[in-house]
Protein backbone atom coordinates (compact mmCIF):
# COMPACT_ATOMS: atom_id res chain seq x y z
CA UNK A 1 0.20 -0.13 0.20
CA UNK A 2 1.29 3.44 -0.84
CA UNK A 3 1.07 6.31 1.60
CA UNK A 4 -1.70 8.05 -0.08
CA UNK A 5 -3.81 4.96 0.36
CA UNK A 6 -2.99 4.12 4.03
CA UNK A 7 -3.63 8.12 4.77
CA UNK A 8 -6.81 7.84 2.55
CA UNK A 9 -8.01 4.55 4.64
CA UNK A 10 -7.15 6.22 7.93
CA UNK A 11 -9.50 9.53 7.01
CA UNK A 12 -12.21 7.37 6.03
CA UNK A 13 -12.13 5.37 9.63
CA UNK A 14 -11.98 8.51 11.30
CA UNK A 15 -14.89 10.13 9.59
CA UNK A 16 -16.77 6.51 10.12
CA UNK A 17 -15.78 6.99 14.11
CA UNK A 18 -17.05 10.46 14.27
CA UNK A 19 -20.32 9.58 12.14
CA UNK A 20 -21.02 6.62 14.67
CA UNK A 21 -20.84 8.82 17.66
CA UNK A 22 -23.10 11.51 15.93
CA UNK A 23 -25.49 9.13 15.05
CA UNK A 24 -25.46 7.42 18.67
CA UNK A 25 -25.70 10.57 20.29
CA UNK A 26 -28.83 11.79 18.16
CA UNK A 27 -30.61 8.43 18.53
CA UNK A 28 -29.64 8.70 22.24
CA UNK A 29 -31.30 12.17 22.12
CA UNK A 30 -34.49 11.31 20.53
CA UNK A 31 -35.01 9.00 23.65
CA UNK A 32 -33.88 5.40 22.44
CA UNK A 33 -32.32 3.53 24.71
CA UNK A 34 -28.25 3.09 24.06
CA UNK A 35 -28.47 -0.47 23.25
CA UNK A 36 -30.59 0.61 20.50
CA UNK A 37 -29.00 3.61 19.23
CA UNK A 38 -26.19 1.11 18.27
CA UNK A 39 -28.11 0.16 15.18
CA UNK A 40 -27.90 4.25 14.17
CA UNK A 41 -24.48 4.18 15.13
CA UNK A 42 -23.78 1.66 12.50
CA UNK A 43 -25.55 2.99 9.98
CA UNK A 44 -24.12 6.21 10.29
CA UNK A 45 -20.53 4.73 10.14
CA UNK A 46 -21.67 2.81 6.96
CA UNK A 47 -23.05 5.65 5.16
CA UNK A 48 -19.64 7.76 5.96
CA UNK A 49 -17.72 4.89 4.45
CA UNK A 50 -19.52 4.52 1.38
CA UNK A 51 -19.80 8.26 0.98
CA UNK A 52 -15.82 8.69 1.13
CA UNK A 53 -15.23 5.88 -0.81
CA UNK A 54 -17.69 6.97 -3.67
CA UNK A 55 -15.76 10.07 -3.33
CA UNK A 56 -12.22 8.80 -3.40
CA UNK A 57 -13.08 6.43 -6.32
CA UNK A 58 -14.75 9.24 -8.43
CA UNK A 59 -11.31 11.58 -7.68
CA UNK A 60 -9.27 8.27 -9.09
CA UNK A 61 -7.18 9.25 -5.88
CA UNK A 62 -5.68 5.62 -5.28
CA UNK A 63 -4.71 5.50 -8.96
CA UNK A 64 -2.64 9.31 -8.41
CA UNK A 65 -3.53 12.83 -8.47
CA UNK A 66 -6.82 13.67 -9.85
CA UNK A 67 -7.58 15.59 -13.18
CA UNK A 68 -9.16 19.00 -13.10
CA UNK A 69 -12.20 17.80 -15.19
CA UNK A 70 -12.52 14.61 -12.34
CA UNK A 71 -12.08 17.29 -9.15
CA UNK A 72 -14.99 19.73 -11.33
CA UNK A 73 -17.24 16.70 -12.19
CA UNK A 74 -16.64 15.49 -8.41
CA UNK A 75 -17.75 19.14 -6.82
CA UNK A 76 -20.69 19.25 -9.11
CA UNK A 77 -21.85 15.77 -7.90
CA UNK A 78 -21.19 16.60 -4.26
CA UNK A 79 -23.11 20.19 -4.69
CA UNK A 80 -26.17 18.24 -6.05
CA UNK A 81 -26.21 15.60 -3.42
CA UNK A 82 -26.29 18.31 -1.15
CA UNK A 83 -29.03 19.86 -2.72
CA UNK A 84 -30.87 16.79 -2.36
CA UNK A 85 -30.03 16.58 1.41
CA UNK A 86 -31.46 20.06 1.93
CA UNK A 87 -34.87 19.17 0.01
CA UNK A 88 -35.15 16.31 2.12
CA UNK A 89 -34.57 18.24 5.03
CA UNK A 90 -37.20 20.81 4.29
CA UNK A 91 -39.56 18.22 3.13
CA UNK A 92 -39.65 16.75 6.74
CA UNK A 93 -40.08 20.36 8.17
CA UNK A 94 -43.09 20.66 10.38
CA UNK A 95 -44.03 17.21 10.43
CA UNK A 96 -44.27 14.69 13.35
CA UNK A 97 -40.54 13.34 12.44
CA UNK A 98 -38.09 14.07 15.52
CA UNK A 99 -34.95 15.49 15.08
CA UNK A 100 -32.76 12.91 14.85
CA UNK A 101 -34.78 11.28 12.63
CA UNK A 102 -35.14 13.92 10.26
CA UNK A 103 -31.02 14.38 10.18
CA UNK A 104 -31.09 10.61 9.52
CA UNK A 105 -33.60 11.15 6.25
CA UNK A 106 -31.07 13.84 5.51
CA UNK A 107 -28.09 11.62 5.46
CA UNK A 108 -29.80 9.13 3.47
CA UNK A 109 -30.75 11.18 0.93
CA UNK A 110 -27.23 12.55 0.85
CA UNK A 111 -25.69 8.88 0.43
CA UNK A 112 -28.27 7.82 -1.95
CA UNK A 113 -27.34 10.73 -4.19
CA UNK A 114 -23.73 10.48 -3.78
CA UNK A 115 -24.03 6.78 -4.71
CA UNK A 116 -25.92 7.27 -7.54
CA UNK A 117 -23.23 10.21 -8.46
CA UNK A 118 -20.67 7.37 -7.95
CA UNK A 119 -22.41 4.88 -10.47
CA UNK A 120 -23.04 7.84 -13.27
CA UNK A 121 -19.20 8.82 -12.68
CA UNK A 122 -18.15 5.26 -13.24
CA UNK A 123 -20.41 4.73 -16.23
CA UNK A 124 -19.30 8.29 -17.69
CA UNK A 125 -15.61 7.09 -17.25
């Protein structure tokens, strides 16, 4: 493994731990018992790993430095995913959805949009 691959892997693992912690704290704040909140923690960590893995693949970080075209396409893809997440957050406003569940829906929308971007980026090449 190259140094860049080790650094990318370490960054993804740290981001997954942070996402798991935040997911667990949001679930506990919503009134779930600590044991039941572990499910949210696992889903948060998995989403972080998938999102960062897709971005790493889209930028071709493990094959060397990304080209300016790849960087531009990835920025546009991430902005579109953020827009989808903002729409999901807005659609759950004023409903009977708790704050933690609302953030979970928002994060799920972002992850799905990022996954779609990853598939499209690999198909386009």
